[in-house]
Each structure stands twice: as structure tokens, then as C-alpha cells.
């Protein structure tokens, strides 16, 4: 967030084989936090059918 606290939310993600593409719009707080403040982003992806099965990506 603007004061440095982490932000978390559900969002759409696309993987193209080499990159994870995270959906956002330029007028949203998430865009400002990631693009203009700090590009490090954690991402957790889970399987709806098996909620204890997940993968986490940090970068």
C-alpha cells in the first residue's frame, strides 16, 4: 500500500511459458504499488478442487 504495507487480492494470472502475466489496470492501486513503488510480487495459485494443493511464486 502507499505506506509500505503489503497488498493482497484475488486476480487473474496468465502463464505464457516464460512469464506470469498479472492482470491489472493502470488506475488501480495495485498497478501503482507494483510498477511505481516496488516490483517484487508474491503469487499463490491453488487448485479449486484440492485447496491444500498450491504453488507459490515470489519475485
PDB file of N, CA and C in Angstrom:
ATOM      1  N   UNK A   1       0.842  -1.177   0.000  1.00  0.00           N
ATOM      2  CA  UNK A   1       0.000   0.000   0.000  1.00  0.00           C
ATOM      3  C   UNK A   1       0.891   1.245   0.000  1.00  0.00           C
ATOM      4  N   UNK A   2       0.324   2.415  -0.141  1.00  0.00           N
ATOM      5  CA  UNK A   2       1.146   3.621  -0.201  1.00  0.00           C
ATOM      6  C   UNK A   2       2.083   3.790   0.998  1.00  0.00           C
ATOM      7  N   UNK A   3       1.687   3.263   2.156  1.00  0.00           N
ATOM      8  CA  UNK A   3       2.531   3.408   3.350  1.00  0.00           C
ATOM      9  C   UNK A   3       3.553   2.279   3.495  1.00  0.00           C
ATOM     10  N   UNK A   4       3.630   1.362   2.508  1.00  0.00           N
ATOM     11  CA  UNK A   4       4.618   0.296   2.547  1.00  0.00           C
ATOM     12  C   UNK A   4       4.083  -1.059   2.982  1.00  0.00           C
ATOM     13  N   UNK A   5       2.861  -1.124   3.488  1.00  0.00           N
ATOM     14  CA  UNK A   5       2.272  -2.408   3.865  1.00  0.00           C
ATOM     15  C   UNK A   5       1.964  -3.234   2.614  1.00  0.00           C
ATOM     16  N   UNK A   6       2.058  -4.563   2.707  1.00  0.00           N
ATOM     17  CA  UNK A   6       1.733  -5.406   1.553  1.00  0.00           C
ATOM     18  C   UNK A   6       0.248  -5.334   1.210  1.00  0.00           C
ATOM     19  N   UNK A   7      -0.037  -5.551  -0.054  1.00  0.00           N
ATOM     20  CA  UNK A   7      -1.414  -5.593  -0.531  1.00  0.00           C
ATOM     21  C   UNK A   7      -1.673  -7.001  -1.047  1.00  0.00           C
ATOM     22  N   UNK A   8      -2.842  -7.531  -0.796  1.00  0.00           N
ATOM     23  CA  UNK A   8      -3.193  -8.842  -1.320  1.00  0.00           C
ATOM     24  C   UNK A   8      -4.600  -8.811  -1.882  1.00  0.00           C
ATOM     25  N   UNK A   9      -4.813  -9.540  -2.973  1.00  0.00           N
ATOM     26  CA  UNK A   9      -6.133  -9.628  -3.568  1.00  0.00           C
ATOM     27  C   UNK A   9      -6.169 -10.760  -4.587  1.00  0.00           C
ATOM     28  N   UNK A  10      -7.356 -11.228  -4.875  1.00  0.00           N
ATOM     29  CA  UNK A  10      -7.539 -12.248  -5.899  1.00  0.00           C
ATOM     30  C   UNK A  10      -7.467 -11.562  -7.256  1.00  0.00           C
ATOM     31  N   UNK A  11      -6.760 -12.168  -8.206  1.00  0.00           N
ATOM     32  CA  UNK A  11      -6.632 -11.572  -9.532  1.00  0.00           C
ATOM     33  C   UNK A  11      -6.413 -12.645 -10.587  1.00  0.00           C
ATOM     34  N   UNK A  12      -6.616 -12.292 -11.832  1.00  0.00           N
ATOM     35  CA  UNK A  12      -6.368 -13.201 -12.947  1.00  0.00           C
ATOM     36  C   UNK A  12      -4.892 -13.219 -13.280  1.00  0.00           C
ATOM     37  N   UNK A  13      -4.375 -14.405 -13.609  1.00  0.00           N
ATOM     38  CA  UNK A  13      -2.976 -14.573 -13.993  1.00  0.00           C
ATOM     39  C   UNK A  13      -2.918 -15.457 -15.224  1.00  0.00           C
ATOM     40  N   UNK A  14      -2.012 -15.133 -16.139  1.00  0.00           N
ATOM     41  CA  UNK A  14      -1.807 -15.943 -17.342  1.00  0.00           C
ATOM     42  C   UNK A  14      -0.339 -16.313 -17.410  1.00  0.00           C
ATOM     43  N   UNK A  15      -0.051 -17.553 -17.731  1.00  0.00           N
ATOM     44  CA  UNK A  15       1.333 -18.008 -17.913  1.00  0.00           C
ATOM     45  C   UNK A  15       1.542 -18.290 -19.391  1.00  0.00           C
ATOM     46  N   UNK A  16       2.606 -17.718 -19.972  1.00  0.00           N
ATOM     47  CA  UNK A  16       2.867 -17.928 -21.394  1.00  0.00           C
ATOM     48  C   UNK A  16       4.040 -18.876 -21.640  1.00  0.00           C
ATOM     49  N   UNK A  17       4.500 -19.537 -20.613  1.00  0.00           N
ATOM     50  CA  UNK A  17       5.634 -20.450 -20.738  1.00  0.00           C
ATOM     51  C   UNK A  17       6.904 -19.877 -20.132  1.00  0.00           C
ATOM     52  N   UNK A  18       7.097 -18.575 -20.257  1.00  0.00           N
ATOM     53  CA  UNK A  18       8.277 -17.910 -19.708  1.00  0.00           C
ATOM     54  C   UNK A  18       7.931 -16.853 -18.663  1.00  0.00           C
ATOM     55  N   UNK A  19       6.714 -16.344 -18.713  1.00  0.00           N
ATOM     56  CA  UNK A  19       6.324 -15.227 -17.854  1.00  0.00           C
ATOM     57  C   UNK A  19       4.974 -15.497 -17.198  1.00  0.00           C
ATOM     58  N   UNK A  20       4.786 -14.896 -16.034  1.00  0.00           N
ATOM     59  CA  UNK A  20       3.470 -14.828 -15.412  1.00  0.00           C
ATOM     60  C   UNK A  20       2.948 -13.425 -15.652  1.00  0.00           C
ATOM     61  N   UNK A  21       1.806 -13.313 -16.282  1.00  0.00           N
ATOM     62  CA  UNK A  21       1.211 -12.020 -16.591  1.00  0.00           C
ATOM     63  C   UNK A  21       0.073 -11.785 -15.606  1.00  0.00           C
ATOM     64  N   UNK A  22       0.188 -10.722 -14.804  1.00  0.00           N
ATOM     65  CA  UNK A  22      -0.777 -10.432 -13.749  1.00  0.00           C
ATOM     66  C   UNK A  22      -1.699  -9.326 -14.225  1.00  0.00           C
ATOM     67  N   UNK A  23      -2.992  -9.578 -14.156  1.00  0.00           N
ATOM     68  CA  UNK A  23      -3.982  -8.623 -14.633  1.00  0.00           C
ATOM     69  C   UNK A  23      -4.089  -7.426 -13.695  1.00  0.00           C
ATOM     70  N   UNK A  24      -4.022  -6.239 -14.252  1.00  0.00           N
ATOM     71  CA  UNK A  24      -4.286  -5.019 -13.506  1.00  0.00           C
ATOM     72  C   UNK A  24      -4.577  -3.896 -14.495  1.00  0.00           C
ATOM     73  N   UNK A  25      -5.101  -2.820 -14.015  1.00  0.00           N
ATOM     74  CA  UNK A  25      -5.359  -1.638 -14.830  1.00  0.00           C
ATOM     75  C   UNK A  25      -4.562  -0.483 -14.245  1.00  0.00           C
ATOM     76  N   UNK A  26      -4.142   0.442 -15.094  1.00  0.00           N
ATOM     77  CA  UNK A  26      -3.218   1.495 -14.669  1.00  0.00           C
ATOM     78  C   UNK A  26      -3.796   2.437 -13.624  1.00  0.00           C
ATOM     79  N   UNK A  27      -5.100   2.522 -13.484  1.00  0.00           N
ATOM     80  CA  UNK A  27      -5.680   3.427 -12.485  1.00  0.00           C
ATOM     81  C   UNK A  27      -5.896   2.748 -11.131  1.00  0.00           C
ATOM     82  N   UNK A  28      -5.507   1.506 -10.992  1.00  0.00           N
ATOM     83  CA  UNK A  28      -5.702   0.773  -9.734  1.00  0.00           C
ATOM     84  C   UNK A  28      -4.493   0.924  -8.812  1.00  0.00           C
ATOM     85  N   UNK A  29      -4.731   0.798  -7.522  1.00  0.00           N
ATOM     86  CA  UNK A  29      -3.659   0.900  -6.529  1.00  0.00           C
ATOM     87  C   UNK A  29      -2.608  -0.169  -6.746  1.00  0.00           C
ATOM     88  N   UNK A  30      -3.029  -1.368  -7.153  1.00  0.00           N
ATOM     89  CA  UNK A  30      -2.080  -2.462  -7.381  1.00  0.00           C
ATOM     90  C   UNK A  30      -1.039  -2.069  -8.427  1.00  0.00           C
ATOM     91  N   UNK A  31      -1.456  -1.435  -9.500  1.00  0.00           N
ATOM     92  CA  UNK A  31      -0.526  -1.008 -10.547  1.00  0.00           C
ATOM     93  C   UNK A  31       0.517  -0.044  -9.974  1.00  0.00           C
ATOM     94  N   UNK A  32       0.067   0.938  -9.239  1.00  0.00           N
ATOM     95  CA  UNK A  32       0.995   1.909  -8.654  1.00  0.00           C
ATOM     96  C   UNK A  32       1.949   1.226  -7.675  1.00  0.00           C
ATOM     97  N   UNK A  33       1.428   0.328  -6.843  1.00  0.00           N
ATOM     98  CA  UNK A  33       2.269  -0.353  -5.855  1.00  0.00           C
ATOM     99  C   UNK A  33       3.363  -1.171  -6.530  1.00  0.00           C
ATOM    100  N   UNK A  34       3.019  -1.902  -7.585  1.00  0.00           N
ATOM    101  CA  UNK A  34       3.972  -2.814  -8.219  1.00  0.00           C
ATOM    102  C   UNK A  34       4.862  -2.109  -9.222  1.00  0.00           C
ATOM    103  N   UNK A  35       4.296  -1.296 -10.076  1.00  0.00           N
ATOM    104  CA  UNK A  35       5.065  -0.679 -11.163  1.00  0.00           C
ATOM    105  C   UNK A  35       5.863   0.521 -10.675  1.00  0.00           C
ATOM    106  N   UNK A  36       5.262   1.339  -9.834  1.00  0.00           N
ATOM    107  CA  UNK A  36       5.917   2.585  -9.461  1.00  0.00           C
ATOM    108  C   UNK A  36       6.615   2.546  -8.094  1.00  0.00           C
ATOM    109  N   UNK A  37       6.278   1.588  -7.238  1.00  0.00           N
ATOM    110  CA  UNK A  37       6.861   1.559  -5.893  1.00  0.00           C
ATOM    111  C   UNK A  37       7.839   0.408  -5.689  1.00  0.00           C
ATOM    112  N   UNK A  38       7.383  -0.823  -5.884  1.00  0.00           N
ATOM    113  CA  UNK A  38       8.214  -1.993  -5.591  1.00  0.00           C
ATOM    114  C   UNK A  38       7.759  -3.158  -6.466  1.00  0.00           C
ATOM    115  N   UNK A  39       8.569  -3.602  -7.430  1.00  0.00           N
ATOM    116  CA  UNK A  39       8.137  -4.630  -8.372  1.00  0.00           C
ATOM    117  C   UNK A  39       8.118  -6.057  -7.821  1.00  0.00           C
ATOM    118  N   UNK A  40       8.543  -6.271  -6.579  1.00  0.00           N
ATOM    119  CA  UNK A  40       8.521  -7.634  -6.024  1.00  0.00           C
ATOM    120  C   UNK A  40       7.086  -8.030  -5.693  1.00  0.00           C
ATOM    121  N   UNK A  41       6.696  -9.226  -6.166  1.00  0.00           N
ATOM    122  CA  UNK A  41       5.320  -9.674  -6.007  1.00  0.00           C
ATOM    123  C   UNK A  41       5.300 -11.147  -5.618  1.00  0.00           C
ATOM    124  N   UNK A  42       4.583 -11.516  -4.547  1.00  0.00           N
ATOM    125  CA  UNK A  42       4.342 -12.934  -4.281  1.00  0.00           C
ATOM    126  C   UNK A  42       3.032 -13.335  -4.943  1.00  0.00           C
ATOM    127  N   UNK A  43       2.965 -14.561  -5.401  1.00  0.00           N
ATOM    128  CA  UNK A  43       1.770 -15.054  -6.073  1.00  0.00           C
ATOM    129  C   UNK A  43       1.506 -16.468  -5.589  1.00  0.00           C
ATOM    130  N   UNK A  44       0.288 -16.726  -5.112  1.00  0.00           N
ATOM    131  CA  UNK A  44      -0.103 -18.059  -4.688  1.00  0.00           C
ATOM    132  C   UNK A  44      -1.232 -18.539  -5.589  1.00  0.00           C
ATOM    133  N   UNK A  45      -1.069 -19.738  -6.152  1.00  0.00           N
ATOM    134  CA  UNK A  45      -2.069 -20.330  -7.041  1.00  0.00           C
ATOM    135  C   UNK A  45      -2.504 -21.647  -6.425  1.00  0.00           C
ATOM    136  N   UNK A  46      -3.820 -21.842  -6.317  1.00  0.00           N
ATOM    137  CA  UNK A  46      -4.298 -23.087  -5.748  1.00  0.00           C
ATOM    138  C   UNK A  46      -5.336 -23.714  -6.668  1.00  0.00           C
ATOM    139  N   UNK A  47      -5.537 -24.992  -6.468  1.00  0.00           N
ATOM    140  CA  UNK A  47      -6.496 -25.781  -7.234  1.00  0.00           C
ATOM    141  C   UNK A  47      -7.828 -25.756  -6.495  1.00  0.00           C
ATOM    142  N   UNK A  48      -8.881 -25.300  -7.158  1.00  0.00           N
ATOM    143  CA  UNK A  48     -10.201 -25.243  -6.522  1.00  0.00           C
ATOM    144  C   UNK A  48     -10.656 -26.595  -5.987  1.00  0.00           C
ATOM    145  N   UNK A  49     -10.339 -27.652  -6.723  1.00  0.00           N
ATOM    146  CA  UNK A  49     -10.782 -28.983  -6.322  1.00  0.00           C
ATOM    147  C   UNK A  49      -9.969 -29.556  -5.164  1.00  0.00           C
ATOM    148  N   UNK A  50      -8.737 -29.078  -4.990  1.00  0.00           N
ATOM    149  CA  UNK A  50      -7.842 -29.553  -3.934  1.00  0.00           C
ATOM    150  C   UNK A  50      -7.222 -28.342  -3.240  1.00  0.00           C
ATOM    151  N   UNK A  51      -7.942 -27.693  -2.341  1.00  0.00           N
ATOM    152  CA  UNK A  51      -7.473 -26.429  -1.764  1.00  0.00           C
ATOM    153  C   UNK A  51      -6.159 -26.514  -0.989  1.00  0.00           C
ATOM    154  N   UNK A  52      -5.716 -27.727  -0.630  1.00  0.00           N
ATOM    155  CA  UNK A  52      -4.428 -27.847   0.054  1.00  0.00           C
ATOM    156  C   UNK A  52      -3.289 -28.059  -0.937  1.00  0.00           C
ATOM    157  N   UNK A  53      -3.598 -28.069  -2.220  1.00  0.00           N
ATOM    158  CA  UNK A  53      -2.600 -28.194  -3.273  1.00  0.00           C
ATOM    159  C   UNK A  53      -2.391 -26.807  -3.878  1.00  0.00           C
ATOM    160  N   UNK A  54      -1.187 -26.254  -3.726  1.00  0.00           N
ATOM    161  CA  UNK A  54      -0.926 -24.911  -4.216  1.00  0.00           C
ATOM    162  C   UNK A  54       0.528 -24.748  -4.611  1.00  0.00           C
ATOM    163  N   UNK A  55       0.810 -23.678  -5.315  1.00  0.00           N
ATOM    164  CA  UNK A  55       2.170 -23.308  -5.664  1.00  0.00           C
ATOM    165  C   UNK A  55       2.332 -21.824  -5.333  1.00  0.00           C
ATOM    166  N   UNK A  56       3.488 -21.459  -4.828  1.00  0.00           N
ATOM    167  CA  UNK A  56       3.774 -20.063  -4.524  1.00  0.00           C
ATOM    168  C   UNK A  56       4.967 -19.617  -5.350  1.00  0.00           C
ATOM    169  N   UNK A  57       4.860 -18.433  -5.938  1.00  0.00           N
ATOM    170  CA  UNK A  57       5.938 -17.840  -6.718  1.00  0.00           C
ATOM    171  C   UNK A  57       6.271 -16.507  -6.076  1.00  0.00           C
ATOM    172  N   UNK A  58       7.534 -16.239  -5.866  1.00  0.00           N
ATOM    173  CA  UNK A  58       7.953 -14.938  -5.317  1.00  0.00           C
ATOM    174  C   UNK A  58       8.978 -14.331  -6.258  1.00  0.00           C
ATOM    175  N   UNK A  59       8.823 -13.059  -6.509  1.00  0.00           N
ATOM    176  CA  UNK A  59       9.799 -12.423  -7.389  1.00  0.00           C
ATOM    177  C   UNK A  59       9.482 -10.984  -7.643  1.00  0.00           C
TER     178      UNK A  59
END
